[in-house]
Amino acid sequence: MKKFLALVLAAGMFMPVVVGAQEKKSPEEQFKAMDKNGDNKLSKEEYVGNAEGEKKTKKEDRFKTLDKNNDGFVDLEEFKAGQKKA
C-alpha cells in the first residue's frame, strides 16, 4: 500500500508538467482564438477580451506595444514578434 501511495504522489508531481505541455498553443493558434471576427487582425477589444482591472490595463498597454505600425490593430506578424520578446 505504501508503494502505491508513493507512486500516486510521484505521478501527481509530474501531472502539471504534462498537462501544461499539452495546453501550450502556437502563436498562430493563440492569434486565431482571439481573432473573433476572422479578419486576420486583432482589435484592442479582441486582444483585451474580458480582462478587468489591472489585468485589462496591462493588456491594453501590451496591445499598444505590439501594434508597431500604429494602425489600431495587431496582425499575426506583430503578434508573433511580440511573443518572441516576451
Protein backbone atom coordinates (compact mmCIF):
# COMPACT_ATOMS: atom_id res chain seq x y z
CA MET A 1 0.00 0.00 0.00
CA LYS A 2 2.87 2.39 0.81
CA LYS A 3 4.42 1.75 -2.59
CA PHE A 4 1.09 2.51 -4.26
CA LEU A 5 0.74 5.81 -2.38
CA ALA A 6 4.31 6.76 -3.23
CA LEU A 7 3.63 6.02 -6.90
CA VAL A 8 0.42 8.10 -6.87
CA LEU A 9 2.21 11.02 -5.20
CA ALA A 10 5.11 10.84 -7.65
CA ALA A 11 2.74 10.76 -10.61
CA GLY A 12 0.84 13.73 -9.20
CA MET A 13 4.03 15.78 -9.06
CA PHE A 14 4.59 15.38 -12.81
CA MET A 15 0.97 15.78 -13.89
CA PRO A 16 1.04 19.62 -14.10
CA VAL A 17 4.14 19.47 -16.31
CA VAL A 18 2.48 17.06 -18.74
CA VAL A 19 -0.84 18.93 -18.77
CA GLY A 20 0.91 22.29 -19.25
CA ALA A 21 2.87 20.98 -22.21
CA GLN A 22 -0.28 19.71 -23.89
CA GLU A 23 -2.15 23.00 -23.44
CA LYS A 24 0.60 25.20 -24.90
CA LYS A 25 -0.69 26.63 -28.16
CA SER A 26 1.37 28.00 -31.00
CA PRO A 27 1.29 31.77 -31.60
CA GLU A 28 -0.84 31.12 -34.69
CA GLU A 29 -3.38 29.12 -32.65
CA GLN A 30 -3.47 31.78 -29.93
CA PHE A 31 -3.97 34.51 -32.53
CA LYS A 32 -6.75 32.62 -34.30
CA ALA A 33 -8.55 32.01 -31.00
CA MET A 34 -8.51 35.74 -30.19
CA ASP A 35 -9.48 36.85 -33.73
CA LYS A 36 -13.23 36.61 -33.12
CA ASN A 37 -14.35 38.10 -36.44
CA GLY A 38 -11.79 36.25 -38.57
CA ASP A 39 -10.33 39.34 -40.28
CA ASN A 40 -6.74 38.22 -39.60
CA LYS A 41 -6.02 41.13 -37.28
CA LEU A 42 -6.75 41.80 -33.64
CA SER A 43 -8.61 44.88 -32.48
CA LYS A 44 -7.88 46.14 -28.99
CA GLU A 45 -11.23 44.72 -27.89
CA GLU A 46 -10.36 41.26 -29.23
CA TYR A 47 -6.90 41.35 -27.64
CA VAL A 48 -8.09 42.57 -24.23
CA GLY A 49 -11.12 40.28 -24.19
CA ASN A 50 -12.95 40.10 -20.87
CA ALA A 51 -9.99 41.21 -18.75
CA GLU A 52 -10.80 43.58 -15.91
CA GLY A 53 -8.94 45.88 -13.57
CA GLU A 54 -5.16 45.76 -13.55
CA LYS A 55 -5.07 42.86 -16.00
CA LYS A 56 -7.11 44.90 -18.50
CA THR A 57 -4.73 47.85 -18.14
CA LYS A 58 -1.71 45.60 -18.71
CA LYS A 59 -3.28 44.04 -21.81
CA GLU A 60 -4.15 47.49 -23.21
CA ASP A 61 -0.55 48.61 -22.69
CA ARG A 62 0.74 45.40 -24.28
CA PHE A 63 -1.56 45.97 -27.27
CA LYS A 64 -0.01 49.41 -27.83
CA THR A 65 3.46 47.85 -27.72
CA LEU A 66 2.53 45.10 -30.19
CA ASP A 67 0.88 47.49 -32.67
CA LYS A 68 4.15 48.56 -34.31
CA ASN A 69 2.58 50.38 -37.28
CA ASN A 70 0.01 52.17 -35.09
CA ASP A 71 -2.95 51.21 -37.26
CA GLY A 72 -5.08 50.23 -34.25
CA PHE A 73 -4.75 46.52 -34.97
CA VAL A 74 -2.25 43.75 -34.28
CA ASP A 75 -1.62 41.43 -37.22
CA LEU A 76 -0.14 37.97 -36.96
CA GLU A 77 3.42 39.12 -37.67
CA GLU A 78 3.26 41.80 -34.97
CA PHE A 79 1.75 39.25 -32.59
CA LYS A 80 4.47 36.66 -33.30
CA ALA A 81 7.22 39.27 -32.96
CA GLY A 82 5.82 40.21 -29.56
CA GLN A 83 5.74 36.55 -28.49
CA LYS A 84 9.46 36.22 -29.20
CA LYS A 85 10.30 39.21 -26.99
CA ALA A 86 8.10 38.14 -24.08
